Every structure is written in C-alpha cells, then in structure tokens.
Amino acid sequence: QELKERGWTGKDLPPPTAEELLGTYCVVRSMLAAASGVPDYQRASRHVVKDYSEGKLLYCHSPPALKDDDSNMKDEDYQRETLTTAIKNTNNLKKKEKMEKAIEMA
C-alpha cells in the first residue's frame, strides 16, 4: 500500500535497503538475539559476505558492452543465460556430492 502511494508499480519496485534485506534474512534464518528477539544484523551480514565470497550467491550483472544499443544480446538474455548456467552448475555439483557420498559409504 505504501509503495503505491509513492508511485511504484509491481514491475519497477525499488531494491530492498540493506536493513530490509538483513532483517528478512535474520527472520528466515532465525538469527535473533537470545534475550530480546531483535534481528542480529552483524551475524547475518557476516553470513551474506561469506556466502558471496564463496560463490554461493549469484551476482548477475551484464558487462558494459551489453548496455550499448548495437549489441546483439540484450540484458535480459544475458541474465537468463547466466541464471541457466548457474542452475546447471548447481545441479552438477549436487550430483558430484551424491557420488562422493556413495563412494565414501562403500
């Protein structure tokens, strides 16, 4: 409701602020302070940075060449291809981990 008052529609929502992102992350991951129940932003931020540095988070950003009008590949195509590749690599990694576990069990 508040976003509609500011003129935002469903397609062009603003990105979440750092506080909104970390607050949601804390609630989803149950990272709350034991005594007060307040979200633990420091712990959540360390997890996000660690996941990013280990490559667990997908950072999809088109190269500068794609932003020109004369390029053949559009930004949406680039992001779709990047996401498809990331999903494929994740599935391959899961298969590899399953095989390694099976070998260890044998």
PDB file of N, CA and C in Angstrom:
ATOM      1  N   GLN A   1       0.826  -1.185   0.000  1.00  0.00           N
ATOM      2  CA  GLN A   1       0.000   0.000   0.000  1.00  0.00           C
ATOM      3  C   GLN A   1       0.870   1.249   0.000  1.00  0.00           C
ATOM      4  N   GLU A   2       1.884   1.271   0.848  1.00  0.00           N
ATOM      5  CA  GLU A   2       2.780   2.428   0.936  1.00  0.00           C
ATOM      6  C   GLU A   2       3.528   2.654  -0.372  1.00  0.00           C
ATOM      7  N   LEU A   3       3.899   1.575  -1.052  1.00  0.00           N
ATOM      8  CA  LEU A   3       4.611   1.698  -2.326  1.00  0.00           C
ATOM      9  C   LEU A   3       3.725   2.299  -3.403  1.00  0.00           C
ATOM     10  N   LYS A   4       2.443   1.940  -3.408  1.00  0.00           N
ATOM     11  CA  LYS A   4       1.522   2.503  -4.397  1.00  0.00           C
ATOM     12  C   LYS A   4       1.370   4.003  -4.197  1.00  0.00           C
ATOM     13  N   GLU A   5       1.376   4.443  -2.950  1.00  0.00           N
ATOM     14  CA  GLU A   5       1.272   5.877  -2.658  1.00  0.00           C
ATOM     15  C   GLU A   5       2.488   6.631  -3.182  1.00  0.00           C
ATOM     16  N   ARG A   6       3.632   5.991  -3.205  1.00  0.00           N
ATOM     17  CA  ARG A   6       4.863   6.627  -3.694  1.00  0.00           C
ATOM     18  C   ARG A   6       5.008   6.532  -5.210  1.00  0.00           C
ATOM     19  N   GLY A   7       4.082   5.844  -5.868  1.00  0.00           N
ATOM     20  CA  GLY A   7       4.114   5.772  -7.322  1.00  0.00           C
ATOM     21  C   GLY A   7       4.823   4.552  -7.881  1.00  0.00           C
ATOM     22  N   TRP A   8       5.153   3.587  -7.040  1.00  0.00           N
ATOM     23  CA  TRP A   8       5.833   2.374  -7.519  1.00  0.00           C
ATOM     24  C   TRP A   8       4.796   1.365  -7.952  1.00  0.00           C
ATOM     25  N   THR A   9       5.064   0.707  -9.080  1.00  0.00           N
ATOM     26  CA  THR A   9       4.180  -0.359  -9.536  1.00  0.00           C
ATOM     27  C   THR A   9       4.865  -1.691  -9.291  1.00  0.00           C
ATOM     28  N   GLY A  10       4.193  -2.773  -9.628  1.00  0.00           N
ATOM     29  CA  GLY A  10       4.744  -4.099  -9.375  1.00  0.00           C
ATOM     30  C   GLY A  10       5.989  -4.408 -10.174  1.00  0.00           C
ATOM     31  N   LYS A  11       6.136  -3.808 -11.356  1.00  0.00           N
ATOM     32  CA  LYS A  11       7.259  -4.135 -12.219  1.00  0.00           C
ATOM     33  C   LYS A  11       8.527  -3.367 -11.879  1.00  0.00           C
ATOM     34  N   ASP A  12       8.403  -2.188 -11.329  1.00  0.00           N
ATOM     35  CA  ASP A  12       9.596  -1.383 -11.087  1.00  0.00           C
ATOM     36  C   ASP A  12       9.780  -1.052  -9.606  1.00  0.00           C
ATOM     37  N   LEU A  13       9.695  -2.086  -8.782  1.00  0.00           N
ATOM     38  CA  LEU A  13       9.894  -1.898  -7.351  1.00  0.00           C
ATOM     39  C   LEU A  13      11.345  -1.540  -7.062  1.00  0.00           C
ATOM     40  N   PRO A  14      11.571  -0.724  -6.052  1.00  0.00           N
ATOM     41  CA  PRO A  14      12.954  -0.389  -5.713  1.00  0.00           C
ATOM     42  C   PRO A  14      13.634  -1.589  -5.067  1.00  0.00           C
ATOM     43  N   PRO A  15      14.949  -1.678  -5.174  1.00  0.00           N
ATOM     44  CA  PRO A  15      15.640  -2.779  -4.498  1.00  0.00           C
ATOM     45  C   PRO A  15      15.534  -2.595  -2.987  1.00  0.00           C
ATOM     46  N   PRO A  16      15.589  -3.688  -2.225  1.00  0.00           N
ATOM     47  CA  PRO A  16      15.479  -3.546  -0.769  1.00  0.00           C
ATOM     48  C   PRO A  16      16.695  -2.833  -0.200  1.00  0.00           C
ATOM     49  N   THR A  17      16.478  -2.130   0.888  1.00  0.00           N
ATOM     50  CA  THR A  17      17.601  -1.499   1.575  1.00  0.00           C
ATOM     51  C   THR A  17      18.388  -2.581   2.302  1.00  0.00           C
ATOM     52  N   ALA A  18      19.577  -2.232   2.759  1.00  0.00           N
ATOM     53  CA  ALA A  18      20.412  -3.201   3.478  1.00  0.00           C
ATOM     54  C   ALA A  18      19.701  -3.685   4.741  1.00  0.00           C
ATOM     55  N   GLU A  19      19.029  -2.768   5.425  1.00  0.00           N
ATOM     56  CA  GLU A  19      18.332  -3.136   6.656  1.00  0.00           C
ATOM     57  C   GLU A  19      17.175  -4.091   6.368  1.00  0.00           C
ATOM     58  N   GLU A  20      16.440  -3.837   5.286  1.00  0.00           N
ATOM     59  CA  GLU A  20      15.334  -4.728   4.920  1.00  0.00           C
ATOM     60  C   GLU A  20      15.855  -6.106   4.532  1.00  0.00           C
ATOM     61  N   LEU A  21      16.921  -6.138   3.737  1.00  0.00           N
ATOM     62  CA  LEU A  21      17.499  -7.407   3.304  1.00  0.00           C
ATOM     63  C   LEU A  21      17.995  -8.219   4.494  1.00  0.00           C
ATOM     64  N   LEU A  22      18.782  -7.590   5.362  1.00  0.00           N
ATOM     65  CA  LEU A  22      19.331  -8.317   6.506  1.00  0.00           C
ATOM     66  C   LEU A  22      18.248  -8.677   7.521  1.00  0.00           C
ATOM     67  N   GLY A  23      17.262  -7.798   7.691  1.00  0.00           N
ATOM     68  CA  GLY A  23      16.163  -8.100   8.606  1.00  0.00           C
ATOM     69  C   GLY A  23      15.387  -9.330   8.157  1.00  0.00           C
ATOM     70  N   THR A  24      15.086  -9.402   6.868  1.00  0.00           N
ATOM     71  CA  THR A  24      14.384 -10.564   6.322  1.00  0.00           C
ATOM     72  C   THR A  24      15.247 -11.808   6.438  1.00  0.00           C
ATOM     73  N   TYR A  25      16.542 -11.678   6.129  1.00  0.00           N
ATOM     74  CA  TYR A  25      17.478 -12.800   6.239  1.00  0.00           C
ATOM     75  C   TYR A  25      17.509 -13.324   7.677  1.00  0.00           C
ATOM     76  N   CYS A  26      17.549 -12.408   8.647  1.00  0.00           N
ATOM     77  CA  CYS A  26      17.581 -12.805  10.058  1.00  0.00           C
ATOM     78  C   CYS A  26      16.328 -13.581  10.450  1.00  0.00           C
ATOM     79  N   VAL A  27      15.180 -13.099  10.015  1.00  0.00           N
ATOM     80  CA  VAL A  27      13.927 -13.767  10.375  1.00  0.00           C
ATOM     81  C   VAL A  27      13.852 -15.146   9.737  1.00  0.00           C
ATOM     82  N   VAL A  28      14.210 -15.242   8.448  1.00  0.00           N
ATOM     83  CA  VAL A  28      14.137 -16.518   7.737  1.00  0.00           C
ATOM     84  C   VAL A  28      15.102 -17.531   8.330  1.00  0.00           C
ATOM     85  N   ARG A  29      16.309 -17.083   8.690  1.00  0.00           N
ATOM     86  CA  ARG A  29      17.337 -17.977   9.232  1.00  0.00           C
ATOM     87  C   ARG A  29      17.321 -18.075  10.754  1.00  0.00           C
ATOM     88  N   SER A  30      16.333 -17.449  11.388  1.00  0.00           N
ATOM     89  CA  SER A  30      16.200 -17.446  12.862  1.00  0.00           C
ATOM     90  C   SER A  30      17.444 -16.909  13.542  1.00  0.00           C
ATOM     91  N   MET A  31      17.981 -15.834  13.016  1.00  0.00           N
ATOM     92  CA  MET A  31      19.150 -15.190  13.620  1.00  0.00           C
ATOM     93  C   MET A  31      18.681 -14.014  14.473  1.00  0.00           C
ATOM     94  N   LEU A  32      18.124 -14.338  15.618  1.00  0.00           N
ATOM     95  CA  LEU A  32      17.607 -13.314  16.517  1.00  0.00           C
ATOM     96  C   LEU A  32      18.392 -13.352  17.821  1.00  0.00           C
ATOM     97  N   ALA A  33      18.517 -12.186  18.453  1.00  0.00           N
ATOM     98  CA  ALA A  33      19.210 -12.121  19.740  1.00  0.00           C
ATOM     99  C   ALA A  33      18.430 -12.946  20.759  1.00  0.00           C
ATOM    100  N   ALA A  34      19.143 -13.674  21.596  1.00  0.00           N
ATOM    101  CA  ALA A  34      18.510 -14.604  22.531  1.00  0.00           C
ATOM    102  C   ALA A  34      17.609 -13.886  23.532  1.00  0.00           C
ATOM    103  N   ALA A  35      18.073 -12.798  24.079  1.00  0.00           N
ATOM    104  CA  ALA A  35      17.315 -12.131  25.138  1.00  0.00           C
ATOM    105  C   ALA A  35      16.174 -11.275  24.596  1.00  0.00           C
ATOM    106  N   SER A  36      16.445 -10.503  23.565  1.00  0.00           N
ATOM    107  CA  SER A  36      15.459  -9.518  23.118  1.00  0.00           C
ATOM    108  C   SER A  36      14.665  -9.934  21.882  1.00  0.00           C
ATOM    109  N   GLY A  37      15.172 -10.854  21.088  1.00  0.00           N
ATOM    110  CA  GLY A  37      14.484 -11.264  19.879  1.00  0.00           C
ATOM    111  C   GLY A  37      14.661 -10.303  18.723  1.00  0.00           C
ATOM    112  N   VAL A  38      15.609  -9.372  18.864  1.00  0.00           N
ATOM    113  CA  VAL A  38      15.904  -8.404  17.802  1.00  0.00           C
ATOM    114  C   VAL A  38      16.798  -9.083  16.765  1.00  0.00           C
ATOM    115  N   PRO A  39      16.583  -8.802  15.473  1.00  0.00           N
ATOM    116  CA  PRO A  39      17.437  -9.421  14.440  1.00  0.00           C
ATOM    117  C   PRO A  39      18.921  -9.111  14.663  1.00  0.00           C
ATOM    118  N   ASP A  40      19.756 -10.126  14.497  1.00  0.00           N
ATOM    119  CA  ASP A  40      21.207  -9.980  14.675  1.00  0.00           C
ATOM    120  C   ASP A  40      21.826  -9.618  13.325  1.00  0.00           C
ATOM    121  N   TYR A  41      21.876  -8.317  13.036  1.00  0.00           N
ATOM    122  CA  TYR A  41      22.341  -7.836  11.739  1.00  0.00           C
ATOM    123  C   TYR A  41      23.817  -8.148  11.493  1.00  0.00           C
ATOM    124  N   GLN A  42      24.645  -8.072  12.524  1.00  0.00           N
ATOM    125  CA  GLN A  42      26.084  -8.340  12.336  1.00  0.00           C
ATOM    126  C   GLN A  42      26.318  -9.782  11.907  1.00  0.00           C
ATOM    127  N   ARG A  43      25.672 -10.699  12.576  1.00  0.00           N
ATOM    128  CA  ARG A  43      25.831 -12.120  12.235  1.00  0.00           C
ATOM    129  C   ARG A  43      25.312 -12.397  10.826  1.00  0.00           C
ATOM    130  N   ALA A  44      24.155 -11.817  10.509  1.00  0.00           N
ATOM    131  CA  ALA A  44      23.572 -12.023   9.183  1.00  0.00           C
ATOM    132  C   ALA A  44      24.475 -11.434   8.099  1.00  0.00           C
ATOM    133  N   SER A  45      25.035 -10.254   8.352  1.00  0.00           N
ATOM    134  CA  SER A  45      25.901  -9.637   7.341  1.00  0.00           C
ATOM    135  C   SER A  45      27.164 -10.462   7.123  1.00  0.00           C
ATOM    136  N   ARG A  46      27.702 -11.052   8.188  1.00  0.00           N
ATOM    137  CA  ARG A  46      28.872 -11.918   8.025  1.00  0.00           C
ATOM    138  C   ARG A  46      28.535 -13.135   7.176  1.00  0.00           C
ATOM    139  N   HIS A  47      27.351 -13.707   7.392  1.00  0.00           N
ATOM    140  CA  HIS A  47      26.921 -14.860   6.587  1.00  0.00           C
ATOM    141  C   HIS A  47      26.766 -14.482   5.119  1.00  0.00           C
ATOM    142  N   VAL A  48      26.165 -13.322   4.850  1.00  0.00           N
ATOM    143  CA  VAL A  48      25.949 -12.897   3.465  1.00  0.00           C
ATOM    144  C   VAL A  48      27.284 -12.671   2.763  1.00  0.00           C
ATOM    145  N   VAL A  49      28.211 -11.980   3.443  1.00  0.00           N
ATOM    146  CA  VAL A  49      29.523 -11.720   2.844  1.00  0.00           C
ATOM    147  C   VAL A  49      30.276 -13.034   2.622  1.00  0.00           C
ATOM    148  N   LYS A  50      30.192 -13.948   3.586  1.00  0.00           N
ATOM    149  CA  LYS A  50      30.863 -15.248   3.443  1.00  0.00           C
ATOM    150  C   LYS A  50      30.282 -16.030   2.263  1.00  0.00           C
ATOM    151  N   ASP A  51      28.953 -16.067   2.165  1.00  0.00           N
ATOM    152  CA  ASP A  51      28.312 -16.772   1.055  1.00  0.00           C
ATOM    153  C   ASP A  51      28.690 -16.144  -0.280  1.00  0.00           C
ATOM    154  N   TYR A  52      28.772 -14.828  -0.326  1.00  0.00           N
ATOM    155  CA  TYR A  52      29.153 -14.154  -1.568  1.00  0.00           C
ATOM    156  C   TYR A  52      30.593 -14.478  -1.951  1.00  0.00           C
ATOM    157  N   SER A  53      31.497 -14.442  -0.967  1.00  0.00           N
ATOM    158  CA  SER A  53      32.910 -14.694  -1.265  1.00  0.00           C
ATOM    159  C   SER A  53      33.163 -16.146  -1.655  1.00  0.00           C
ATOM    160  N   GLU A  54      32.321 -17.063  -1.175  1.00  0.00           N
ATOM    161  CA  GLU A  54      32.461 -18.481  -1.533  1.00  0.00           C
ATOM    162  C   GLU A  54      31.730 -18.826  -2.823  1.00  0.00           C
ATOM    163  N   GLY A  55      31.038 -17.846  -3.411  1.00  0.00           N
ATOM    164  CA  GLY A  55      30.345 -18.083  -4.671  1.00  0.00           C
ATOM    165  C   GLY A  55      28.990 -18.734  -4.519  1.00  0.00           C
ATOM    166  N   LYS A  56      28.430 -18.723  -3.327  1.00  0.00           N
ATOM    167  CA  LYS A  56      27.115 -19.327  -3.115  1.00  0.00           C
ATOM    168  C   LYS A  56      25.990 -18.396  -3.550  1.00  0.00           C
ATOM    169  N   LEU A  57      26.268 -17.111  -3.637  1.00  0.00           N
ATOM    170  CA  LEU A  57      25.266 -16.143  -4.080  1.00  0.00           C
ATOM    171  C   LEU A  57      25.522 -15.793  -5.530  1.00  0.00           C
ATOM    172  N   LEU A  58      24.470 -15.762  -6.299  1.00  0.00           N
ATOM    173  CA  LEU A  58      24.583 -15.420  -7.715  1.00  0.00           C
ATOM    174  C   LEU A  58      24.573 -13.907  -7.849  1.00  0.00           C
ATOM    175  N   TYR A  59      25.612 -13.368  -8.455  1.00  0.00           N
ATOM    176  CA  TYR A  59      25.675 -11.937  -8.736  1.00  0.00           C
ATOM    177  C   TYR A  59      25.590 -11.797 -10.245  1.00  0.00           C
ATOM    178  N   CYS A  60      24.459 -11.367 -10.718  1.00  0.00           N
ATOM    179  CA  CYS A  60      24.193 -11.328 -12.153  1.00  0.00           C
ATOM    180  C   CYS A  60      24.233  -9.876 -12.622  1.00  0.00           C
ATOM    181  N   HIS A  61      25.276  -9.524 -13.323  1.00  0.00           N
ATOM    182  CA  HIS A  61      25.454  -8.147 -13.791  1.00  0.00           C
ATOM    183  C   HIS A  61      26.000  -8.205 -15.207  1.00  0.00           C
ATOM    184  N   SER A  62      25.316  -7.540 -16.109  1.00  0.00           N
ATOM    185  CA  SER A  62      25.751  -7.619 -17.506  1.00  0.00           C
ATOM    186  C   SER A  62      27.006  -6.798 -17.736  1.00  0.00           C
ATOM    187  N   PRO A  63      27.875  -7.249 -18.628  1.00  0.00           N
ATOM    188  CA  PRO A  63      29.086  -6.494 -18.954  1.00  0.00           C
ATOM    189  C   PRO A  63      28.726  -5.156 -19.599  1.00  0.00           C
ATOM    190  N   PRO A  64      29.613  -4.172 -19.520  1.00  0.00           N
ATOM    191  CA  PRO A  64      29.312  -2.852 -20.084  1.00  0.00           C
ATOM    192  C   PRO A  64      28.997  -2.883 -21.579  1.00  0.00           C
ATOM    193  N   ALA A  65      29.570  -3.810 -22.324  1.00  0.00           N
ATOM    194  CA  ALA A  65      29.338  -3.877 -23.765  1.00  0.00           C
ATOM    195  C   ALA A  65      27.877  -4.163 -24.088  1.00  0.00           C
ATOM    196  N   LEU A  66      27.174  -4.855 -23.206  1.00  0.00           N
ATOM    197  CA  LEU A  66      25.784  -5.201 -23.468  1.00  0.00           C
ATOM    198  C   LEU A  66      24.844  -4.019 -23.287  1.00  0.00           C
ATOM    199  N   LYS A  67      25.314  -2.967 -22.661  1.00  0.00           N
ATOM    200  CA  LYS A  67      24.448  -1.825 -22.417  1.00  0.00           C
ATOM    201  C   LYS A  67      24.351  -0.908 -23.627  1.00  0.00           C
ATOM    202  N   ASP A  68      25.179  -1.133 -24.640  1.00  0.00           N
ATOM    203  CA  ASP A  68      25.098  -0.350 -25.868  1.00  0.00           C
ATOM    204  C   ASP A  68      23.939  -0.852 -26.715  1.00  0.00           C
ATOM    205  N   ASP A  69      23.378   0.023 -27.518  1.00  0.00           N
ATOM    206  CA  ASP A  69      22.240  -0.353 -28.356  1.00  0.00           C
ATOM    207  C   ASP A  69      22.629  -1.274 -29.512  1.00  0.00           C
ATOM    208  N   ASP A  70      23.910  -1.256 -29.909  1.00  0.00           N
ATOM    209  CA  ASP A  70      24.313  -2.035 -31.074  1.00  0.00           C
ATOM    210  C   ASP A  70      24.644  -3.498 -30.761  1.00  0.00           C
ATOM    211  N   SER A  71      24.529  -3.912 -29.524  1.00  0.00           N
ATOM    212  CA  SER A  71      24.872  -5.304 -29.192  1.00  0.00           C
ATOM    213  C   SER A  71      23.742  -6.238 -29.596  1.00  0.00           C
ATOM    214  N   ASN A  72      24.109  -7.464 -29.916  1.00  0.00           N
ATOM    215  CA  ASN A  72      23.126  -8.462 -30.347  1.00  0.00           C
ATOM    216  C   ASN A  72      22.386  -9.066 -29.168  1.00  0.00           C
ATOM    217  N   MET A  73      23.066  -9.207 -28.043  1.00  0.00           N
ATOM    218  CA  MET A  73      22.478  -9.849 -26.878  1.00  0.00           C
ATOM    219  C   MET A  73      21.888  -8.774 -25.955  1.00  0.00           C
ATOM    220  N   LYS A  74      20.649  -8.943 -25.589  1.00  0.00           N
ATOM    221  CA  LYS A  74      20.006  -7.996 -24.689  1.00  0.00           C
ATOM    222  C   LYS A  74      20.352  -8.355 -23.255  1.00  0.00           C
ATOM    223  N   ASP A  75      20.150  -7.391 -22.363  1.00  0.00           N
ATOM    224  CA  ASP A  75      20.445  -7.592 -20.951  1.00  0.00           C
ATOM    225  C   ASP A  75      19.633  -8.754 -20.378  1.00  0.00           C
ATOM    226  N   GLU A  76      18.362  -8.861 -20.760  1.00  0.00           N
ATOM    227  CA  GLU A  76      17.516  -9.941 -20.255  1.00  0.00           C
ATOM    228  C   GLU A  76      18.032 -11.302 -20.714  1.00  0.00           C
ATOM    229  N   ASP A  77      18.489 -11.375 -21.966  1.00  0.00           N
ATOM    230  CA  ASP A  77      19.033 -12.632 -22.488  1.00  0.00           C
ATOM    231  C   ASP A  77      20.284 -13.032 -21.722  1.00  0.00           C
ATOM    232  N   TYR A  78      21.130 -12.041 -21.443  1.00  0.00           N
ATOM    233  CA  TYR A  78      22.366 -12.309 -20.701  1.00  0.00           C
ATOM    234  C   TYR A  78      22.041 -12.845 -19.310  1.00  0.00           C
ATOM    235  N   GLN A  79      21.104 -12.192 -18.624  1.00  0.00           N
ATOM    236  CA  GLN A  79      20.758 -12.624 -17.273  1.00  0.00           C
ATOM    237  C   GLN A  79      20.119 -14.007 -17.290  1.00  0.00           C
ATOM    238  N   ARG A  80      19.283 -14.281 -18.285  1.00  0.00           N
ATOM    239  CA  ARG A  80      18.654 -15.608 -18.392  1.00  0.00           C
ATOM    240  C   ARG A  80      19.715 -16.680 -18.611  1.00  0.00           C
ATOM    241  N   GLU A  81      20.673 -16.393 -19.490  1.00  0.00           N
ATOM    242  CA  GLU A  81      21.740 -17.352 -19.761  1.00  0.00           C
ATOM    243  C   GLU A  81      22.605 -17.578 -18.520  1.00  0.00           C
ATOM    244  N   THR A  82      22.902 -16.506 -17.791  1.00  0.00           N
ATOM    245  CA  THR A  82      23.709 -16.616 -16.570  1.00  0.00           C
ATOM    246  C   THR A  82      22.987 -17.450 -15.523  1.00  0.00           C
ATOM    247  N   LEU A  83      21.701 -17.201 -15.355  1.00  0.00           N
ATOM    248  CA  LEU A  83      20.923 -17.947 -14.376  1.00  0.00           C
ATOM    249  C   LEU A  83      20.822 -19.415 -14.759  1.00  0.00           C
ATOM    250  N   THR A  84      20.609 -19.697 -16.028  1.00  0.00           N
ATOM    251  CA  THR A  84      20.537 -21.084 -16.510  1.00  0.00           C
ATOM    252  C   THR A  84      21.850 -21.819 -16.248  1.00  0.00           C
ATOM    253  N   THR A  85      22.960 -21.143 -16.529  1.00  0.00           N
ATOM    254  CA  THR A  85      24.274 -21.743 -16.291  1.00  0.00           C
ATOM    255  C   THR A  85      24.497 -21.998 -14.805  1.00  0.00           C
ATOM    256  N   ALA A  86      24.090 -21.061 -13.958  1.00  0.00           N
ATOM    257  CA  ALA A  86      24.262 -21.219 -12.512  1.00  0.00           C
ATOM    258  C   ALA A  86      23.446 -22.405 -11.998  1.00  0.00           C
ATOM    259  N   ILE A  87      22.218 -22.535 -12.478  1.00  0.00           N
ATOM    260  CA  ILE A  87      21.372 -23.657 -12.047  1.00  0.00           C
ATOM    261  C   ILE A  87      21.970 -24.986 -12.505  1.00  0.00           C
ATOM    262  N   LYS A  88      22.466 -25.011 -13.737  1.00  0.00           N
ATOM    263  CA  LYS A  88      23.077 -26.232 -14.265  1.00  0.00           C
ATOM    264  C   LYS A  88      24.313 -26.610 -13.434  1.00  0.00           C
ATOM    265  N   ASN A  89      25.136 -25.620 -13.100  1.00  0.00           N
ATOM    266  CA  ASN A  89      26.333 -25.892 -12.302  1.00  0.00           C
ATOM    267  C   ASN A  89      25.967 -26.377 -10.904  1.00  0.00           C
ATOM    268  N   THR A  90      24.900 -25.812 -10.329  1.00  0.00           N
ATOM    269  CA  THR A  90      24.448 -26.242  -9.008  1.00  0.00           C
ATOM    270  C   THR A  90      23.985 -27.691  -9.052  1.00  0.00           C
ATOM    271  N   ASN A  91      23.229 -28.033 -10.084  1.00  0.00           N
ATOM    272  CA  ASN A  91      22.768 -29.425 -10.218  1.00  0.00           C
ATOM    273  C   ASN A  91      23.934 -30.380 -10.406  1.00  0.00           C
ATOM    274  N   ASN A  92      24.930 -29.968 -11.208  1.00  0.00           N
ATOM    275  CA  ASN A  92      26.116 -30.809 -11.400  1.00  0.00           C
ATOM    276  C   ASN A  92      26.872 -30.999 -10.092  1.00  0.00           C
ATOM    277  N   LEU A  93      26.969 -29.944  -9.290  1.00  0.00           N
ATOM    278  CA  LEU A  93      27.658 -30.027  -8.010  1.00  0.00           C
ATOM    279  C   LEU A  93      26.927 -30.973  -7.061  1.00  0.00           C
ATOM    280  N   LYS A  94      25.588 -30.905  -7.060  1.00  0.00           N
ATOM    281  CA  LYS A  94      24.812 -31.803  -6.205  1.00  0.00           C
ATOM    282  C   LYS A  94      25.013 -33.257  -6.616  1.00  0.00           C
ATOM    283  N   LYS A  95      25.044 -33.521  -7.933  1.00  0.00           N
ATOM    284  CA  LYS A  95      25.279 -34.887  -8.413  1.00  0.00           C
ATOM    285  C   LYS A  95      26.657 -35.370  -7.982  1.00  0.00           C
ATOM    286  N   LYS A  96      27.653 -34.483  -8.084  1.00  0.00           N
ATOM    287  CA  LYS A  96      29.018 -34.845  -7.706  1.00  0.00           C
ATOM    288  C   LYS A  96      29.092 -35.170  -6.221  1.00  0.00           C
ATOM    289  N   GLU A  97      28.427 -34.365  -5.388  1.00  0.00           N
ATOM    290  CA  GLU A  97      28.430 -34.614  -3.948  1.00  0.00           C
ATOM    291  C   GLU A  97      27.747 -35.932  -3.615  1.00  0.00           C
ATOM    292  N   LYS A  98      26.655 -36.263  -4.330  1.00  0.00           N
ATOM    293  CA  LYS A  98      25.974 -37.533  -4.096  1.00  0.00           C
ATOM    294  C   LYS A  98      26.886 -38.708  -4.441  1.00  0.00           C
ATOM    295  N   MET A  99      27.622 -38.597  -5.550  1.00  0.00           N
ATOM    296  CA  MET A  99      28.534 -39.678  -5.942  1.00  0.00           C
ATOM    297  C   MET A  99      29.651 -39.834  -4.930  1.00  0.00           C
ATOM    298  N   GLU A 100      30.189 -38.714  -4.450  1.00  0.00           N
ATOM    299  CA  GLU A 100      31.264 -38.782  -3.447  1.00  0.00           C
ATOM    300  C   GLU A 100      30.765 -39.433  -2.167  1.00  0.00           C
ATOM    301  N   LYS A 101      29.529 -39.103  -1.778  1.00  0.00           N
ATOM    302  CA  LYS A 101      28.956 -39.712  -0.575  1.00  0.00           C
ATOM    303  C   LYS A 101      28.773 -41.209  -0.761  1.00  0.00           C
ATOM    304  N   ALA A 102      28.321 -41.611  -1.947  1.00  0.00           N
ATOM    305  CA  ALA A 102      28.121 -43.030  -2.235  1.00  0.00           C
ATOM    306  C   ALA A 102      29.444 -43.783  -2.207  1.00  0.00           C
ATOM    307  N   ILE A 103      30.496 -43.153  -2.708  1.00  0.00           N
ATOM    308  CA  ILE A 103      31.822 -43.774  -2.688  1.00  0.00           C
ATOM    309  C   ILE A 103      32.327 -43.923  -1.265  1.00  0.00           C
ATOM    310  N   GLU A 104      32.082 -42.903  -0.429  1.00  0.00           N
ATOM    311  CA  GLU A 104      32.510 -42.970   0.965  1.00  0.00           C
ATOM    312  C   GLU A 104      31.772 -44.064   1.727  1.00  0.00           C
ATOM    313  N   MET A 105      30.498 -44.257   1.408  1.00  0.00           N
ATOM    314  CA  MET A 105      29.687 -45.261   2.098  1.00  0.00           C
ATOM    315  C   MET A 105      30.123 -46.668   1.719  1.00  0.00           C
ATOM    316  N   ALA A 106      30.651 -46.824   0.510  1.00  0.00           N
ATOM    317  CA  ALA A 106      31.024 -48.163   0.032  1.00  0.00           C
ATOM    318  C   ALA A 106      32.324 -48.637   0.598  1.00  0.00           C
TER     319      ALA A 106
END
